[in-house]
Amino acid sequence: MALLTNQVIRRSGLNPTYGAATAGGDTFTGSNRTFLHVKVGSTATTITLPVPTGKGVDFVDIAIGTLTVGPVTSAERMIGPCMAEVFSDPVTGLVTVNYSQVTGVTVAVFDLYPA
């Protein structure tokens, strides 16, 4: 599992950096301004953002389920906001994302700069 670095999108712009998805999943710091961007090469992958037990919004449990990206070439999906209070593991404080396969999958995490 790799810790992804949150990249801040400012008014001046951002030259984003993407890294290979990690077998076994990746982690990152979540917030109400955090988004995960997943790009897939030529085969589909299923992405899950597990919701830790007991987490939810306004005391209501939520489940994001699974998202499938692909199978067409150059498919991508922006996922978020990845709110810490909903998706963070209570032990690590990090959001975990899992992939059904990682070949040809690149990811990046973005934070919108506060207005």
N, C-alpha and C. Protein backbone atom coordinates (compact mmCIF):
# COMPACT_ATOMS: atom_id res chain seq x y z
N MET A 1 0.85 -1.17 0.00
CA MET A 1 0.00 0.00 0.00
C MET A 1 0.90 1.24 0.00
N ALA A 2 0.56 2.21 -0.86
CA ALA A 2 1.36 3.43 -0.95
C ALA A 2 0.54 4.62 -0.48
N LEU A 3 1.22 5.58 0.13
CA LEU A 3 0.58 6.82 0.55
C LEU A 3 0.70 7.81 -0.60
N LEU A 4 -0.45 8.22 -1.15
CA LEU A 4 -0.47 9.19 -2.24
C LEU A 4 -0.36 10.60 -1.68
N THR A 5 0.33 11.48 -2.40
CA THR A 5 0.48 12.87 -1.99
C THR A 5 -0.65 13.70 -2.56
N ASN A 6 -1.34 14.45 -1.71
CA ASN A 6 -2.40 15.34 -2.17
C ASN A 6 -1.77 16.54 -2.89
N GLN A 7 -2.22 16.79 -4.12
CA GLN A 7 -1.74 17.92 -4.91
C GLN A 7 -2.79 19.03 -4.86
N VAL A 8 -2.36 20.25 -4.59
CA VAL A 8 -3.29 21.37 -4.40
C VAL A 8 -3.53 22.09 -5.73
N ILE A 9 -4.81 22.21 -6.10
CA ILE A 9 -5.20 22.97 -7.29
C ILE A 9 -5.44 24.41 -6.86
N ARG A 10 -4.59 25.31 -7.33
CA ARG A 10 -4.72 26.74 -7.01
C ARG A 10 -5.24 27.50 -8.23
N ARG A 11 -5.60 28.75 -8.02
CA ARG A 11 -6.08 29.57 -9.12
C ARG A 11 -5.05 29.69 -10.24
N SER A 12 -3.78 29.62 -9.87
CA SER A 12 -2.71 29.73 -10.87
C SER A 12 -2.55 28.44 -11.68
N GLY A 13 -3.25 27.38 -11.27
CA GLY A 13 -3.21 26.11 -11.99
C GLY A 13 -2.32 25.07 -11.32
N LEU A 14 -2.27 23.91 -11.91
CA LEU A 14 -1.48 22.79 -11.38
C LEU A 14 -1.01 21.93 -12.54
N ASN A 15 0.23 21.56 -12.53
CA ASN A 15 0.77 20.56 -13.45
C ASN A 15 0.70 19.23 -12.71
N PRO A 16 -0.36 18.43 -12.91
CA PRO A 16 -0.55 17.24 -12.08
C PRO A 16 0.47 16.14 -12.35
N THR A 17 0.73 15.36 -11.31
CA THR A 17 1.60 14.20 -11.40
C THR A 17 0.77 12.96 -11.07
N TYR A 18 0.86 11.94 -11.92
CA TYR A 18 0.15 10.69 -11.70
C TYR A 18 1.15 9.58 -11.42
N GLY A 19 0.74 8.63 -10.59
CA GLY A 19 1.58 7.48 -10.29
C GLY A 19 0.81 6.20 -10.54
N ALA A 20 1.53 5.11 -10.64
CA ALA A 20 0.89 3.81 -10.86
C ALA A 20 0.09 3.40 -9.62
N ALA A 21 -1.09 2.85 -9.85
CA ALA A 21 -1.89 2.30 -8.75
C ALA A 21 -1.13 1.13 -8.14
N THR A 22 -1.27 0.98 -6.84
CA THR A 22 -0.52 -0.04 -6.12
C THR A 22 -1.39 -1.27 -5.84
N ALA A 23 -0.86 -2.44 -6.16
CA ALA A 23 -1.57 -3.67 -5.80
C ALA A 23 -1.72 -3.69 -4.29
N GLY A 24 -2.89 -4.01 -3.80
CA GLY A 24 -3.13 -3.97 -2.36
C GLY A 24 -3.71 -2.64 -1.92
N GLY A 25 -3.83 -1.68 -2.86
CA GLY A 25 -4.48 -0.40 -2.56
C GLY A 25 -3.53 0.74 -2.27
N ASP A 26 -4.11 1.93 -2.19
CA ASP A 26 -3.39 3.15 -1.85
C ASP A 26 -4.14 3.88 -0.74
N THR A 27 -3.44 4.78 -0.07
CA THR A 27 -4.06 5.60 0.97
C THR A 27 -3.76 7.07 0.69
N PHE A 28 -4.60 7.94 1.26
CA PHE A 28 -4.37 9.39 1.15
C PHE A 28 -5.17 10.10 2.22
N THR A 29 -4.83 11.37 2.43
CA THR A 29 -5.52 12.20 3.41
C THR A 29 -6.77 12.77 2.75
N GLY A 30 -7.92 12.54 3.36
CA GLY A 30 -9.18 13.00 2.80
C GLY A 30 -9.66 14.30 3.43
N SER A 31 -10.54 15.00 2.70
CA SER A 31 -11.22 16.19 3.20
C SER A 31 -12.42 16.46 2.30
N ASN A 32 -13.20 17.48 2.63
CA ASN A 32 -14.34 17.81 1.78
C ASN A 32 -13.91 18.53 0.51
N ARG A 33 -12.59 18.70 0.31
CA ARG A 33 -12.04 19.31 -0.90
C ARG A 33 -11.12 18.34 -1.65
N THR A 34 -11.15 17.05 -1.27
CA THR A 34 -10.23 16.05 -1.84
C THR A 34 -10.93 15.17 -2.87
N PHE A 35 -10.27 14.99 -4.02
CA PHE A 35 -10.79 14.16 -5.10
C PHE A 35 -9.71 13.19 -5.56
N LEU A 36 -10.13 11.99 -5.91
CA LEU A 36 -9.25 10.97 -6.46
C LEU A 36 -9.50 10.91 -7.95
N HIS A 37 -8.44 10.97 -8.76
CA HIS A 37 -8.56 10.87 -10.21
C HIS A 37 -7.90 9.57 -10.64
N VAL A 38 -8.68 8.70 -11.28
CA VAL A 38 -8.20 7.38 -11.71
C VAL A 38 -8.24 7.34 -13.23
N LYS A 39 -7.11 6.97 -13.84
CA LYS A 39 -7.03 6.81 -15.29
C LYS A 39 -6.69 5.35 -15.59
N VAL A 40 -7.41 4.78 -16.56
CA VAL A 40 -7.23 3.37 -16.89
C VAL A 40 -6.80 3.25 -18.34
N GLY A 41 -5.84 2.36 -18.59
CA GLY A 41 -5.37 2.12 -19.95
C GLY A 41 -6.41 1.38 -20.76
N SER A 42 -6.21 0.11 -21.03
CA SER A 42 -7.08 -0.60 -21.96
C SER A 42 -7.98 -1.65 -21.31
N THR A 43 -7.87 -1.87 -20.01
CA THR A 43 -8.75 -2.86 -19.37
C THR A 43 -9.45 -2.21 -18.18
N ALA A 44 -10.64 -2.67 -17.90
CA ALA A 44 -11.44 -2.09 -16.82
C ALA A 44 -10.87 -2.46 -15.46
N THR A 45 -11.10 -1.61 -14.49
CA THR A 45 -10.80 -1.92 -13.10
C THR A 45 -11.98 -1.46 -12.25
N THR A 46 -12.22 -2.16 -11.17
CA THR A 46 -13.24 -1.77 -10.22
C THR A 46 -12.54 -1.08 -9.06
N ILE A 47 -13.05 0.08 -8.66
CA ILE A 47 -12.45 0.87 -7.59
C ILE A 47 -13.40 0.87 -6.41
N THR A 48 -12.88 0.64 -5.22
CA THR A 48 -13.72 0.73 -4.03
C THR A 48 -13.09 1.69 -3.03
N LEU A 49 -13.93 2.51 -2.42
CA LEU A 49 -13.55 3.35 -1.29
C LEU A 49 -14.34 2.81 -0.11
N PRO A 50 -13.74 1.93 0.69
CA PRO A 50 -14.48 1.36 1.81
C PRO A 50 -14.88 2.43 2.83
N VAL A 51 -16.07 2.29 3.38
CA VAL A 51 -16.52 3.17 4.45
C VAL A 51 -16.35 2.41 5.75
N PRO A 52 -15.44 2.88 6.64
CA PRO A 52 -15.23 2.17 7.90
C PRO A 52 -16.52 2.05 8.70
N THR A 53 -16.65 0.97 9.44
CA THR A 53 -17.84 0.70 10.25
C THR A 53 -18.12 1.86 11.19
N GLY A 54 -19.40 2.26 11.24
CA GLY A 54 -19.81 3.32 12.15
C GLY A 54 -19.65 4.71 11.58
N LYS A 55 -19.10 4.83 10.39
CA LYS A 55 -18.94 6.15 9.77
C LYS A 55 -20.18 6.45 8.95
N GLY A 56 -20.45 7.71 8.75
CA GLY A 56 -21.58 8.13 7.94
C GLY A 56 -21.75 9.63 8.00
N VAL A 57 -22.77 10.12 7.35
CA VAL A 57 -23.07 11.55 7.34
C VAL A 57 -24.33 11.75 8.16
N ASP A 58 -24.29 12.67 9.10
CA ASP A 58 -25.44 12.94 9.97
C ASP A 58 -25.97 11.66 10.61
N PHE A 59 -25.04 10.79 11.04
CA PHE A 59 -25.35 9.55 11.74
C PHE A 59 -26.07 8.52 10.86
N VAL A 60 -26.04 8.71 9.54
CA VAL A 60 -26.62 7.75 8.62
C VAL A 60 -25.47 7.06 7.89
N ASP A 61 -25.42 5.74 7.99
CA ASP A 61 -24.37 5.01 7.28
C ASP A 61 -24.55 5.17 5.79
N ILE A 62 -23.43 5.35 5.08
CA ILE A 62 -23.49 5.44 3.63
C ILE A 62 -22.57 4.39 3.04
N ALA A 63 -22.83 4.03 1.83
CA ALA A 63 -21.96 3.08 1.12
C ALA A 63 -21.79 3.59 -0.30
N ILE A 64 -20.56 3.77 -0.71
CA ILE A 64 -20.31 4.24 -2.07
C ILE A 64 -20.38 3.08 -3.05
N GLY A 65 -20.28 1.86 -2.54
CA GLY A 65 -20.31 0.71 -3.42
C GLY A 65 -19.04 0.62 -4.23
N THR A 66 -19.15 0.16 -5.46
CA THR A 66 -17.98 0.05 -6.32
C THR A 66 -18.20 0.86 -7.58
N LEU A 67 -17.13 1.36 -8.13
CA LEU A 67 -17.16 2.10 -9.39
C LEU A 67 -16.29 1.35 -10.38
N THR A 68 -16.75 1.23 -11.60
CA THR A 68 -15.94 0.59 -12.62
C THR A 68 -15.47 1.64 -13.61
N VAL A 69 -14.17 1.63 -13.88
CA VAL A 69 -13.59 2.55 -14.86
C VAL A 69 -13.06 1.70 -16.00
N GLY A 70 -13.41 2.03 -17.23
CA GLY A 70 -12.98 1.28 -18.40
C GLY A 70 -14.20 0.63 -19.01
N PRO A 71 -14.08 -0.31 -19.91
CA PRO A 71 -12.87 -0.93 -20.42
C PRO A 71 -12.28 -0.25 -21.65
N VAL A 72 -12.82 0.89 -22.06
CA VAL A 72 -12.27 1.54 -23.25
C VAL A 72 -10.93 2.18 -22.96
N THR A 73 -10.13 2.35 -23.98
CA THR A 73 -8.82 2.99 -23.83
C THR A 73 -9.00 4.42 -23.32
N SER A 74 -8.16 4.81 -22.44
CA SER A 74 -8.13 6.16 -21.88
C SER A 74 -9.36 6.53 -21.08
N ALA A 75 -9.99 5.56 -20.43
CA ALA A 75 -11.12 5.85 -19.55
C ALA A 75 -10.58 6.47 -18.26
N GLU A 76 -11.36 7.35 -17.66
CA GLU A 76 -10.96 7.94 -16.39
C GLU A 76 -12.18 8.33 -15.59
N ARG A 77 -11.96 8.51 -14.28
CA ARG A 77 -13.05 8.88 -13.39
C ARG A 77 -12.50 9.75 -12.26
N MET A 78 -13.22 10.83 -11.96
CA MET A 78 -12.91 11.69 -10.83
C MET A 78 -13.87 11.29 -9.72
N ILE A 79 -13.35 10.96 -8.55
CA ILE A 79 -14.15 10.45 -7.44
C ILE A 79 -14.00 11.38 -6.25
N GLY A 80 -15.11 11.82 -5.69
CA GLY A 80 -15.02 12.67 -4.51
C GLY A 80 -16.28 13.51 -4.34
N PRO A 81 -16.29 14.36 -3.35
CA PRO A 81 -15.20 14.57 -2.40
C PRO A 81 -15.03 13.38 -1.46
N CYS A 82 -13.79 13.13 -1.10
CA CYS A 82 -13.43 12.02 -0.22
C CYS A 82 -13.28 12.55 1.20
N MET A 83 -14.41 12.76 1.85
CA MET A 83 -14.44 13.40 3.16
C MET A 83 -13.82 12.53 4.24
N ALA A 84 -12.92 13.11 5.00
CA ALA A 84 -12.22 12.39 6.05
C ALA A 84 -13.20 11.81 7.07
N GLU A 85 -14.22 12.59 7.42
CA GLU A 85 -15.16 12.13 8.45
C GLU A 85 -15.99 10.94 8.00
N VAL A 86 -16.02 10.66 6.71
CA VAL A 86 -16.77 9.53 6.20
C VAL A 86 -15.86 8.36 5.83
N PHE A 87 -14.76 8.63 5.12
CA PHE A 87 -13.96 7.57 4.52
C PHE A 87 -12.68 7.22 5.25
N SER A 88 -12.25 8.04 6.21
CA SER A 88 -10.97 7.75 6.88
C SER A 88 -11.07 6.59 7.85
N ASP A 89 -10.05 5.77 7.83
CA ASP A 89 -9.93 4.67 8.79
C ASP A 89 -9.69 5.29 10.16
N PRO A 90 -10.43 4.88 11.19
CA PRO A 90 -10.27 5.48 12.52
C PRO A 90 -8.89 5.22 13.14
N VAL A 91 -8.20 4.18 12.70
CA VAL A 91 -6.88 3.86 13.24
C VAL A 91 -5.79 4.68 12.56
N THR A 92 -5.80 4.73 11.22
CA THR A 92 -4.74 5.42 10.49
C THR A 92 -5.07 6.88 10.19
N GLY A 93 -6.37 7.22 10.14
CA GLY A 93 -6.77 8.57 9.77
C GLY A 93 -6.70 8.81 8.27
N LEU A 94 -6.47 7.74 7.49
CA LEU A 94 -6.31 7.87 6.05
C LEU A 94 -7.46 7.20 5.30
N VAL A 95 -7.73 7.68 4.09
CA VAL A 95 -8.69 7.06 3.20
C VAL A 95 -7.96 5.97 2.43
N THR A 96 -8.57 4.81 2.29
CA THR A 96 -7.99 3.70 1.54
C THR A 96 -8.79 3.49 0.27
N VAL A 97 -8.10 3.30 -0.84
CA VAL A 97 -8.75 2.98 -2.11
C VAL A 97 -8.18 1.65 -2.59
N ASN A 98 -9.06 0.79 -3.09
CA ASN A 98 -8.65 -0.53 -3.59
C ASN A 98 -9.02 -0.64 -5.07
N TYR A 99 -8.24 -1.45 -5.79
CA TYR A 99 -8.44 -1.65 -7.22
C TYR A 99 -8.55 -3.15 -7.49
N SER A 100 -9.40 -3.53 -8.44
CA SER A 100 -9.51 -4.94 -8.78
C SER A 100 -8.30 -5.40 -9.60
N GLN A 101 -7.67 -4.48 -10.31
CA GLN A 101 -6.41 -4.74 -11.01
C GLN A 101 -5.70 -3.41 -11.19
N VAL A 102 -4.39 -3.44 -11.33
CA VAL A 102 -3.62 -2.19 -11.39
C VAL A 102 -2.83 -2.01 -12.68
N THR A 103 -2.84 -2.99 -13.56
CA THR A 103 -2.10 -2.87 -14.81
C THR A 103 -2.68 -1.73 -15.64
N GLY A 104 -1.85 -0.78 -15.99
CA GLY A 104 -2.30 0.35 -16.80
C GLY A 104 -3.12 1.38 -16.06
N VAL A 105 -3.19 1.29 -14.73
CA VAL A 105 -3.99 2.22 -13.93
C VAL A 105 -3.07 3.24 -13.26
N THR A 106 -3.36 4.53 -13.47
CA THR A 106 -2.62 5.59 -12.79
C THR A 106 -3.59 6.42 -11.98
N VAL A 107 -3.07 6.98 -10.88
CA VAL A 107 -3.93 7.72 -9.96
C VAL A 107 -3.24 8.99 -9.47
N ALA A 108 -4.07 9.93 -9.03
CA ALA A 108 -3.58 11.15 -8.39
C ALA A 108 -4.68 11.64 -7.45
N VAL A 109 -4.26 12.36 -6.40
CA VAL A 109 -5.20 12.92 -5.44
C VAL A 109 -5.05 14.43 -5.48
N PHE A 110 -6.20 15.12 -5.55
CA PHE A 110 -6.20 16.58 -5.66
C PHE A 110 -7.02 17.20 -4.55
N ASP A 111 -6.53 18.32 -4.03
CA ASP A 111 -7.26 19.15 -3.08
C ASP A 111 -7.54 20.48 -3.74
N LEU A 112 -8.80 20.93 -3.70
CA LEU A 112 -9.14 22.25 -4.18
C LEU A 112 -8.67 23.27 -3.16
N TYR A 113 -7.96 24.28 -3.60
CA TYR A 113 -7.47 25.33 -2.71
C TYR A 113 -8.67 26.10 -2.16
N PRO A 114 -8.69 26.40 -0.88
CA PRO A 114 -9.82 27.15 -0.31
C PRO A 114 -10.02 28.49 -1.01
N ALA A 115 -11.27 28.83 -1.22
CA ALA A 115 -11.61 30.10 -1.90
C ALA A 115 -11.24 31.30 -1.06
